Amino acid sequence: MVLPYEMMRGVLMTQQKPEWINKADYNFKEKNKFESEIKTYEEKILKYDLYEQLLYKTDIPLEEAVYSALKDLGFNDVLHHKEDKNNPDITFNYDGIFAILEVDGTTKQSDKQKILELDG
């Protein structure tokens, strides 16, 4: 069987590393530094992804993005009531004011019925 070089490299990369390779004697300090930096940047990128999702998500994923954004922005007592349809989608406190949110993602203009969901 003949494999192209790139395909063979791909196969070898999936091979499990032995546990002894992670010991300090066999570790590359520079590699560890780069992996740490990559993890830091991935966390920062996730934060930006979260805010981008506010622009295009709908339904529960949009509610989760709003919930996470409110927590990230430092609002207090942020709760996502995704299991309880008798409550608003999200509640939170801000400077002693209790707030409720009804989240609705749409690809067109929202209708009056969506606003009236908050009546009561």
Protein backbone atom coordinates (compact mmCIF):
# COMPACT_ATOMS: atom_id res chain seq x y z
CA MET A 1 0.00 0.00 0.00
CA VAL A 2 1.36 3.40 -1.00
CA LEU A 3 0.37 6.54 0.92
CA PRO A 4 1.25 10.08 -0.06
CA TYR A 5 3.61 11.71 2.43
CA GLU A 6 1.01 14.23 3.73
CA MET A 7 -1.53 11.46 4.29
CA MET A 8 1.05 9.40 6.19
CA ARG A 9 1.89 12.40 8.40
CA GLY A 10 -1.82 12.75 9.17
CA VAL A 11 -2.02 9.11 10.20
CA LEU A 12 1.02 9.43 12.45
CA MET A 13 -0.35 12.60 14.10
CA THR A 14 -3.38 10.63 15.31
CA GLN A 15 -1.16 8.14 17.09
CA GLN A 16 -1.56 8.38 20.88
CA LYS A 17 1.41 9.88 22.75
CA PRO A 18 2.88 7.65 25.45
CA GLU A 19 2.55 9.04 28.99
CA TRP A 20 6.29 9.21 29.57
CA ILE A 21 6.66 11.86 26.85
CA ASN A 22 4.97 14.45 29.10
CA LYS A 23 7.62 14.14 31.80
CA ALA A 24 9.99 17.10 32.20
CA ASP A 25 12.96 15.14 30.79
CA TYR A 26 11.32 14.85 27.37
CA ASN A 27 9.40 18.13 27.26
CA PHE A 28 10.23 21.12 25.08
CA LYS A 29 9.97 24.25 27.23
CA GLU A 30 9.38 26.41 24.14
CA LYS A 31 6.51 24.18 23.07
CA ASN A 32 4.88 24.46 26.49
CA LYS A 33 5.17 28.26 26.28
CA PHE A 34 3.51 28.30 22.85
CA GLU A 35 0.72 25.96 24.00
CA SER A 36 0.05 28.25 26.95
CA GLU A 37 -0.11 31.29 24.65
CA ILE A 38 -2.42 29.45 22.25
CA LYS A 39 -4.78 28.61 25.13
CA THR A 40 -4.82 32.26 26.22
CA TYR A 41 -5.63 33.45 22.70
CA GLU A 42 -8.30 30.78 22.22
CA GLU A 43 -10.04 32.03 25.37
CA LYS A 44 -9.92 35.59 24.05
CA ILE A 45 -11.28 34.48 20.67
CA LEU A 46 -14.16 32.65 22.38
CA LYS A 47 -15.16 35.91 24.04
CA TYR A 48 -15.35 37.65 20.64
CA ASP A 49 -17.26 34.68 19.19
CA LEU A 50 -19.79 35.07 21.99
CA TYR A 51 -20.50 38.67 21.06
CA GLU A 52 -20.63 37.88 17.33
CA GLN A 53 -23.30 35.25 18.04
CA LEU A 54 -25.59 38.04 19.27
CA LEU A 55 -25.81 39.17 15.65
CA TYR A 56 -26.99 35.96 14.00
CA LYS A 57 -28.22 33.31 16.45
CA THR A 58 -31.90 32.60 17.07
CA ASP A 59 -34.01 30.75 19.66
CA ILE A 60 -32.21 29.02 22.57
CA PRO A 61 -28.68 29.60 21.21
CA LEU A 62 -29.41 33.35 21.08
CA GLU A 63 -30.79 33.25 24.63
CA GLU A 64 -27.60 31.50 25.77
CA ALA A 65 -25.46 34.11 24.00
CA VAL A 66 -27.39 36.96 25.67
CA TYR A 67 -27.15 35.20 29.04
CA SER A 68 -23.37 34.73 28.68
CA ALA A 69 -22.86 38.32 27.49
CA LEU A 70 -24.77 39.73 30.47
CA LYS A 71 -22.68 37.63 32.87
CA ASP A 72 -19.49 38.69 31.09
CA LEU A 73 -20.50 42.35 31.33
CA GLY A 74 -20.85 41.99 35.10
CA PHE A 75 -24.61 42.04 35.65
CA ASN A 76 -25.79 40.42 38.90
CA ASP A 77 -28.04 37.41 39.45
CA VAL A 78 -28.29 36.59 35.74
CA LEU A 79 -30.60 33.60 35.25
CA HIS A 80 -31.56 31.86 32.02
CA HIS A 81 -35.00 30.29 32.41
CA LYS A 82 -34.80 28.02 29.37
CA GLU A 83 -36.63 25.14 31.08
CA ASP A 84 -39.45 27.28 32.56
CA LYS A 85 -41.63 28.69 29.78
CA ASN A 86 -43.81 30.52 32.37
CA ASN A 87 -40.95 32.92 33.10
CA PRO A 88 -39.19 35.42 30.85
CA ASP A 89 -36.16 34.09 29.00
CA ILE A 90 -33.61 35.88 31.20
CA THR A 91 -33.72 37.83 34.45
CA PHE A 92 -30.99 39.86 36.12
CA ASN A 93 -30.32 42.69 38.59
CA TYR A 94 -28.64 45.97 37.81
CA ASP A 95 -28.08 48.63 40.49
CA GLY A 96 -30.92 47.18 42.56
CA ILE A 97 -33.32 47.08 39.61
CA PHE A 98 -34.82 43.70 38.69
CA ALA A 99 -34.93 43.30 34.90
CA ILE A 100 -36.56 40.72 32.67
CA LEU A 101 -35.69 39.93 29.07
CA GLU A 102 -37.66 38.21 26.39
CA VAL A 103 -35.15 37.28 23.68
CA ASP A 104 -36.31 36.93 20.10
CA GLY A 105 -33.96 36.43 17.19
CA THR A 106 -35.41 36.97 13.78
CA THR A 107 -34.32 37.49 10.22
CA LYS A 108 -37.05 40.07 9.64
CA GLN A 109 -38.93 42.76 11.55
CA SER A 110 -40.52 41.47 14.75
CA ASP A 111 -44.28 41.63 15.22
CA LYS A 112 -46.43 43.11 17.99
CA GLN A 113 -47.33 39.66 19.37
CA LYS A 114 -43.73 39.09 20.46
CA ILE A 115 -43.79 42.31 22.47
CA LEU A 116 -47.14 41.40 24.03
CA GLU A 117 -45.57 38.22 25.48
CA LEU A 118 -44.36 40.45 28.32
CA ASP A 119 -47.90 41.57 29.18
CA GLY A 120 -48.46 40.28 32.67
